[in-house]
Amino acid sequence: MVVLGSGQYRYEVSGENFGSLPDGWVYEEATACAVDSNDNVFVFNRGGHPVIVFDSEGNFIKSWGDGVFSTPHGITIGPDDSVYCVDTVDNNLRKFTPDGELLMTIGASGQLVSEGHFEHDIPAEAMSGKPFNRPTHAAIDPRNGDICVADGYSNARVHRFSADGELKESWGESGTGPGEFNIVHAIDIDGDGMIYIGDRENHRVQVFQPDGTHHATWANLSRAAAVAVDDNGLVYVGEYFAGISSNDRGTRLGPRVTVCDRDGNILARLSDQSYGDAPGSFYSPHMIDTDSKGNIYVAEVSYSDYGRNMDPPQELRSMQKLVKLG
């Protein structure tokens, strides 16, 4: 075990994969995780069983979604424990019950689909600002159930839908200025409706008012891929490694998790090492969530970023639990 952080922000981590998978199952890689009201952990992954559910100790509960998704990317649990899954190749958002019953699909046209799900839905034109072209993540506004979707890989846009799937507004465009994005990757919303976005390739988090007005920019981050807010005034940012091939052992460049308050003040940096398998290190923190005890769950796209380039390709650890101390 290794302890990361300092003061009241100290976390113990084993360096092992979180979750006891059934025999013969693999993650390949965990792309996202989300925690429900009972502290059960939903792991979205690319290993053949897309949604795997564990209790907080990592004991297997159930799985669902086999054959449903093309490329699992983002998963979110709503206030009523509904499960929202974003597939970046199918170009849609699907809402499920906690047991995997499909409730709603919003397709690439931004229109509600009443039955079934789309496979490889035709995307909107790249950078058109219209939903969707390779969306990445969703967040639920706890005040009213609105759904905000980060439309990030081939768009630079955030779309707000009503709880029943009606498109209400969109904002954002490509660039480096306030309200502009270079991969709008992860998104979360606090109890006041403030919206936090991991603007990954701009190396920053941007904060927006509920109507999409730019509120603040947090710099001094590495590639900010993941962002999650909790009920205690904390924001967790997952950062990729930002070095280059000639500097692949650089330190304090990520990958890491940074703990901030909601004004963007840095409270703790979790890891100052380069990427790797050692306890206390990360590969690529892709999505993050927390439970009621303040434990942090980190899903890492370690295969896409590292494992597939090895000779021979190999699966690496991709799902970690950081246990809150004190």
Protein backbone atom coordinates (compact mmCIF):
# COMPACT_ATOMS: atom_id res chain seq x y z
CA MET A 1 0.00 0.00 0.00
CA VAL A 2 1.05 3.58 -0.72
CA VAL A 3 -0.39 6.78 0.76
CA LEU A 4 -0.96 9.73 -1.58
CA GLY A 5 -1.73 13.31 -0.61
CA SER A 6 -1.29 15.14 2.68
CA GLY A 7 -3.17 16.57 5.64
CA GLN A 8 -6.88 15.80 5.51
CA TYR A 9 -6.56 14.69 1.88
CA ARG A 10 -4.68 11.42 2.28
CA TYR A 11 -5.58 8.27 0.38
CA GLU A 12 -4.30 4.72 0.51
CA VAL A 13 -3.91 2.84 -2.77
CA SER A 14 -2.78 -0.73 -3.50
CA GLY A 15 -1.90 -0.42 -7.17
CA GLU A 16 -4.16 -3.39 -7.96
CA ASN A 17 -7.25 -3.47 -10.16
CA PHE A 18 -10.39 -2.69 -8.20
CA GLY A 19 -13.17 -5.26 -8.49
CA SER A 20 -13.27 -9.07 -8.26
CA LEU A 21 -14.12 -10.09 -11.81
CA PRO A 22 -15.72 -13.49 -12.50
CA ASP A 23 -13.32 -16.13 -13.84
CA GLY A 24 -12.31 -15.45 -17.42
CA TRP A 25 -13.59 -11.87 -17.46
CA VAL A 26 -11.38 -8.88 -18.23
CA TYR A 27 -11.85 -5.13 -18.37
CA GLU A 28 -9.50 -4.73 -21.36
CA GLU A 29 -9.74 -1.20 -20.00
CA ALA A 30 -12.17 0.64 -17.74
CA THR A 31 -13.23 3.84 -19.45
CA ALA A 32 -15.49 5.28 -16.75
CA CYS A 33 -17.02 4.60 -13.34
CA ALA A 34 -20.00 5.91 -11.41
CA VAL A 35 -21.23 5.37 -7.85
CA ASP A 36 -24.90 5.01 -6.93
CA SER A 37 -26.74 6.03 -3.75
CA ASN A 38 -25.79 2.73 -2.07
CA ASP A 39 -22.08 3.15 -2.88
CA ASN A 40 -22.23 0.45 -5.55
CA VAL A 41 -19.66 1.06 -8.29
CA PHE A 42 -20.64 0.79 -11.96
CA VAL A 43 -17.59 0.20 -14.18
CA PHE A 44 -18.00 0.96 -17.90
CA ASN A 45 -15.41 -1.06 -19.80
CA ARG A 46 -14.41 -2.53 -23.14
CA GLY A 47 -13.86 -6.14 -22.12
CA GLY A 48 -17.06 -7.78 -23.38
CA HIS A 49 -19.29 -7.10 -20.34
CA PRO A 50 -19.72 -3.34 -20.65
CA VAL A 51 -21.40 -2.47 -17.34
CA ILE A 52 -20.07 -4.38 -14.31
CA VAL A 53 -21.41 -3.53 -10.86
CA PHE A 54 -19.51 -4.07 -7.60
CA ASP A 55 -20.15 -3.18 -4.01
CA SER A 56 -17.77 -0.70 -2.39
CA GLU A 57 -15.41 -3.51 -1.37
CA GLY A 58 -15.12 -4.74 -4.94
CA ASN A 59 -17.42 -7.76 -4.66
CA PHE A 60 -19.18 -8.59 -7.93
CA ILE A 61 -22.93 -7.93 -7.95
CA LYS A 62 -24.09 -8.08 -11.58
CA SER A 63 -23.39 -7.01 -15.14
CA TRP A 64 -25.38 -5.97 -18.15
CA GLY A 65 -25.08 -4.39 -21.60
CA ASP A 66 -23.49 -7.30 -23.49
CA GLY A 67 -23.77 -6.64 -27.22
CA VAL A 68 -25.38 -3.22 -26.74
CA PHE A 69 -22.43 -0.83 -27.07
CA SER A 70 -19.80 -0.19 -29.73
CA THR A 71 -17.27 1.87 -27.77
CA PRO A 72 -18.11 2.45 -24.09
CA HIS A 73 -16.87 5.86 -22.98
CA GLY A 74 -18.78 7.72 -20.24
CA ILE A 75 -21.16 6.55 -17.51
CA THR A 76 -23.14 8.66 -15.04
CA ILE A 77 -25.55 7.87 -12.20
CA GLY A 78 -28.45 10.28 -11.80
CA PRO A 79 -30.02 11.38 -8.50
CA ASP A 80 -32.66 8.63 -8.84
CA ASP A 81 -29.94 6.01 -9.62
CA SER A 82 -30.78 5.91 -13.33
CA VAL A 83 -27.70 5.09 -15.41
CA TYR A 84 -26.64 7.23 -18.38
CA CYS A 85 -24.17 5.76 -20.88
CA VAL A 86 -22.40 7.65 -23.65
CA ASP A 87 -21.02 5.66 -26.58
CA THR A 88 -18.56 7.69 -28.61
CA VAL A 89 -18.87 5.57 -31.77
CA ASP A 90 -22.62 4.98 -31.65
CA ASN A 91 -22.98 8.76 -31.22
CA ASN A 92 -25.76 8.57 -28.68
CA LEU A 93 -26.75 8.80 -25.03
CA ARG A 94 -28.77 5.99 -23.46
CA LYS A 95 -30.61 6.01 -20.14
CA PHE A 96 -31.09 2.72 -18.27
CA THR A 97 -32.51 1.44 -15.03
CA PRO A 98 -29.84 0.21 -12.58
CA ASP A 99 -30.54 -3.31 -13.89
CA GLY A 100 -29.94 -2.38 -17.52
CA GLU A 101 -33.45 -1.85 -18.87
CA LEU A 102 -33.32 0.76 -21.62
CA LEU A 103 -35.49 3.78 -20.80
CA MET A 104 -34.46 6.40 -23.35
CA THR A 105 -32.06 6.99 -26.24
CA ILE A 106 -31.03 10.38 -27.57
CA GLY A 107 -29.55 9.80 -31.01
CA ALA A 108 -26.98 11.60 -33.10
CA SER A 109 -29.59 14.01 -34.41
CA GLY A 110 -30.26 15.14 -30.85
CA GLN A 111 -33.74 13.69 -31.14
CA LEU A 112 -35.38 11.32 -28.69
CA VAL A 113 -35.64 7.74 -29.93
CA SER A 114 -38.65 6.00 -28.41
CA GLU A 115 -37.65 2.39 -29.05
CA GLY A 116 -34.47 0.39 -29.17
CA HIS A 117 -30.99 1.76 -29.53
CA PHE A 118 -28.91 2.97 -32.42
CA GLU A 119 -25.81 1.15 -33.58
CA HIS A 120 -23.27 3.33 -35.37
CA ASP A 121 -25.75 6.18 -35.62
CA ILE A 122 -24.80 8.66 -38.35
CA PRO A 123 -23.02 11.57 -36.64
CA ALA A 124 -23.57 15.25 -37.18
CA GLU A 125 -21.01 17.01 -39.35
CA ALA A 126 -17.73 17.44 -37.49
CA MET A 127 -17.45 20.76 -35.64
CA SER A 128 -20.94 21.73 -36.76
CA GLY A 129 -22.06 22.30 -33.17
CA LYS A 130 -25.02 19.99 -33.73
CA PRO A 131 -25.46 16.84 -31.61
CA PHE A 132 -23.66 14.46 -31.76
CA ASN A 133 -20.25 13.77 -33.24
CA ARG A 134 -18.33 11.43 -30.92
CA PRO A 135 -19.76 12.52 -27.56
CA THR A 136 -17.83 11.66 -24.43
CA HIS A 137 -19.74 12.09 -21.15
CA ALA A 138 -22.95 13.32 -19.53
CA ALA A 139 -23.94 15.00 -16.27
CA ILE A 140 -27.34 15.34 -14.62
CA ASP A 141 -28.42 18.66 -13.10
CA PRO A 142 -29.61 17.69 -9.60
CA ARG A 143 -31.98 20.66 -9.47
CA ASN A 144 -34.22 19.61 -12.36
CA GLY A 145 -32.93 16.43 -14.01
CA ASP A 146 -31.61 18.20 -17.11
CA ILE A 147 -28.97 16.22 -19.00
CA CYS A 148 -25.81 18.01 -20.15
CA VAL A 149 -23.77 16.10 -22.74
CA ALA A 150 -20.12 16.77 -23.55
CA ASP A 151 -19.86 16.43 -27.33
CA GLY A 152 -16.15 16.39 -27.42
CA TYR A 153 -14.05 14.38 -29.84
CA SER A 154 -15.28 15.77 -33.16
CA ASN A 155 -17.31 18.66 -31.84
CA ALA A 156 -16.57 21.38 -29.27
CA ARG A 157 -19.96 21.68 -27.72
CA VAL A 158 -22.10 21.12 -24.65
CA HIS A 159 -25.77 20.26 -25.18
CA ARG A 160 -28.44 20.63 -22.50
CA PHE A 161 -31.49 18.38 -22.76
CA SER A 162 -34.55 18.30 -20.54
CA ALA A 163 -35.02 15.24 -18.35
CA ASP A 164 -37.31 13.75 -21.00
CA GLY A 165 -34.83 14.27 -23.84
CA GLU A 166 -35.77 17.59 -25.45
CA LEU A 167 -32.83 19.68 -26.68
CA LYS A 168 -32.94 23.03 -24.87
CA GLU A 169 -29.66 24.77 -25.75
CA SER A 170 -26.04 24.26 -26.81
CA TRP A 171 -22.86 26.26 -26.30
CA GLY A 172 -19.12 26.17 -26.94
CA GLU A 173 -16.82 26.21 -29.95
CA SER A 174 -13.32 25.20 -30.89
CA GLY A 175 -10.47 27.30 -29.51
CA THR A 176 -8.45 28.26 -26.47
CA GLY A 177 -10.44 31.23 -25.15
CA PRO A 178 -13.08 31.30 -22.42
CA GLY A 179 -15.99 29.08 -23.41
CA GLU A 180 -13.94 27.42 -26.15
CA PHE A 181 -12.76 23.82 -26.07
CA ASN A 182 -10.03 21.56 -27.33
CA ILE A 183 -11.79 18.27 -26.52
CA VAL A 184 -14.61 18.89 -24.08
CA HIS A 185 -14.09 15.55 -22.37
CA ALA A 186 -15.67 15.17 -18.91
CA ILE A 187 -18.51 17.05 -17.27
CA ASP A 188 -20.17 17.29 -13.86
CA ILE A 189 -22.71 19.56 -12.17
CA ASP A 190 -22.87 20.64 -8.52
CA GLY A 191 -25.93 21.25 -6.35
CA ASP A 192 -26.15 24.88 -7.46
CA GLY A 193 -26.18 23.92 -11.13
CA MET A 194 -22.61 25.08 -11.79
CA ILE A 195 -21.03 23.05 -14.59
CA TYR A 196 -17.43 21.78 -14.44
CA ILE A 197 -15.74 20.63 -17.65
CA GLY A 198 -12.44 18.89 -18.26
CA ASP A 199 -11.14 20.77 -21.32
CA ARG A 200 -8.53 18.12 -21.89
CA GLU A 201 -6.17 19.31 -24.60
CA ASN A 202 -6.33 22.90 -23.33
CA HIS A 203 -4.92 21.56 -20.03
CA ARG A 204 -7.61 23.16 -17.91
CA VAL A 205 -11.00 22.94 -16.24
CA GLN A 206 -13.64 25.45 -17.21
CA VAL A 207 -16.58 26.31 -14.97
CA PHE A 208 -19.90 27.58 -16.32
CA GLN A 209 -23.06 29.00 -14.84
CA PRO A 210 -26.20 26.92 -15.43
CA ASP A 211 -27.09 28.92 -18.55
CA GLY A 212 -23.69 28.21 -20.13
CA THR A 213 -22.09 31.55 -19.30
CA HIS A 214 -18.38 31.17 -18.64
CA HIS A 215 -17.58 31.60 -14.95
CA ALA A 216 -13.95 30.60 -14.37
CA THR A 217 -10.93 28.84 -15.85
CA TRP A 218 -8.60 26.70 -13.74
CA ALA A 219 -5.09 26.47 -15.17
CA ASN A 220 -1.88 24.87 -13.85
CA LEU A 221 -3.21 21.44 -14.73
CA SER A 222 -1.95 18.71 -16.99
CA ARG A 223 -4.30 17.21 -19.60
CA ALA A 224 -7.52 17.47 -17.58
CA ALA A 225 -9.49 14.46 -18.78
CA ALA A 226 -11.70 13.72 -15.76
CA VAL A 227 -13.69 15.95 -13.44
CA ALA A 228 -16.06 15.01 -10.62
CA VAL A 229 -17.74 17.04 -7.88
CA ASP A 230 -18.88 15.65 -4.54
CA ASP A 231 -21.38 16.84 -1.94
CA ASN A 232 -18.67 18.26 0.34
CA GLY A 233 -17.40 21.12 -1.78
CA LEU A 234 -14.59 19.18 -3.48
CA VAL A 235 -13.72 18.77 -7.15
CA TYR A 236 -11.51 15.92 -8.37
CA VAL A 237 -9.55 16.32 -11.60
CA GLY A 238 -7.96 13.37 -13.37
CA GLU A 239 -4.98 14.37 -15.50
CA TYR A 240 -3.12 12.51 -18.23
CA PHE A 241 0.65 12.62 -18.59
CA ALA A 242 1.62 15.77 -20.51
CA GLY A 243 5.25 15.00 -21.35
CA ILE A 244 6.54 13.95 -24.75
CA SER A 245 8.42 10.84 -25.84
CA SER A 246 11.83 12.33 -25.09
CA ASN A 247 10.63 13.27 -21.60
CA ASP A 248 8.58 10.21 -20.70
CA ARG A 249 9.99 10.09 -17.17
CA GLY A 250 9.17 13.69 -16.30
CA THR A 251 7.57 14.21 -12.89
CA ARG A 252 4.73 16.48 -11.76
CA LEU A 253 3.34 16.38 -15.29
CA GLY A 254 0.67 13.79 -14.53
CA PRO A 255 -0.79 11.29 -14.67
CA ARG A 256 -2.37 12.16 -11.34
CA VAL A 257 -5.51 13.19 -9.50
CA THR A 258 -5.79 16.76 -8.20
CA VAL A 259 -8.21 17.67 -5.40
CA CYS A 260 -9.58 21.23 -5.52
CA ASP A 261 -12.20 23.30 -3.78
CA ARG A 262 -14.96 24.78 -5.92
CA ASP A 263 -13.00 27.96 -6.47
CA GLY A 264 -10.22 25.96 -8.09
CA ASN A 265 -7.77 26.17 -5.20
CA ILE A 266 -5.54 23.11 -5.18
CA LEU A 267 -5.82 21.14 -1.94
CA ALA A 268 -3.79 18.04 -2.86
CA ARG A 269 -1.91 16.43 -5.72
CA LEU A 270 -2.21 12.66 -5.71
CA SER A 271 1.03 11.33 -7.29
CA ASP A 272 4.05 13.16 -8.60
CA GLN A 273 5.42 10.22 -10.57
CA SER A 274 5.32 9.43 -14.25
CA TYR A 275 2.98 6.76 -15.60
CA GLY A 276 3.28 3.14 -14.62
CA ASP A 277 1.99 0.11 -12.74
CA ALA A 278 3.61 0.82 -9.37
CA PRO A 279 1.34 1.55 -6.40
CA GLY A 280 0.82 5.30 -6.24
CA SER A 281 1.18 5.74 -10.01
CA PHE A 282 -1.43 6.04 -12.73
CA TYR A 283 -1.63 5.48 -16.47
CA SER A 284 -4.41 7.71 -17.86
CA PRO A 285 -7.14 8.82 -15.41
CA HIS A 286 -10.05 8.98 -17.84
CA MET A 287 -13.10 9.30 -15.57
CA ILE A 288 -13.55 9.62 -11.78
CA ASP A 289 -16.26 9.29 -9.17
CA THR A 290 -16.43 9.24 -5.36
CA ASP A 291 -18.54 7.48 -2.75
CA SER A 292 -20.19 8.64 0.47
CA LYS A 293 -17.02 7.98 2.49
CA GLY A 294 -14.83 10.17 0.27
CA ASN A 295 -13.11 7.25 -1.48
CA ILE A 296 -12.06 7.97 -5.06
CA TYR A 297 -12.57 5.56 -7.96
CA VAL A 298 -10.41 6.13 -11.03
CA ALA A 299 -10.99 4.52 -14.43
CA GLU A 300 -7.93 4.60 -16.69
CA VAL A 301 -7.65 4.00 -20.45
CA SER A 302 -4.35 2.21 -19.97
CA TYR A 303 -4.75 -0.18 -22.90
CA SER A 304 -5.54 2.51 -25.48
CA ASP A 305 -2.70 4.75 -24.32
CA TYR A 306 -0.02 2.17 -23.44
CA GLY A 307 -0.94 -1.52 -23.49
CA ARG A 308 -1.83 -1.84 -27.16
CA ASN A 309 1.55 -0.38 -28.13
CA MET A 310 3.50 -3.00 -26.21
CA ASP A 311 5.06 -6.01 -27.91
CA PRO A 312 3.02 -8.10 -27.50
CA PRO A 313 0.00 -5.93 -26.57
CA GLN A 314 -1.17 -6.49 -23.00
CA GLU A 315 -3.92 -5.46 -20.66
CA LEU A 316 -2.76 -3.19 -17.84
CA ARG A 317 -4.39 -2.13 -14.59
CA SER A 318 -7.24 0.24 -15.42
CA MET A 319 -9.48 0.60 -12.36
CA GLN A 320 -8.20 1.90 -9.00
CA LYS A 321 -9.78 2.71 -5.64
CA LEU A 322 -8.13 5.38 -3.47
CA VAL A 323 -9.27 4.84 0.11
CA LYS A 324 -9.76 8.01 2.15
CA LEU A 325 -7.81 8.09 5.42
CA GLY A 326 -8.68 9.97 8.58
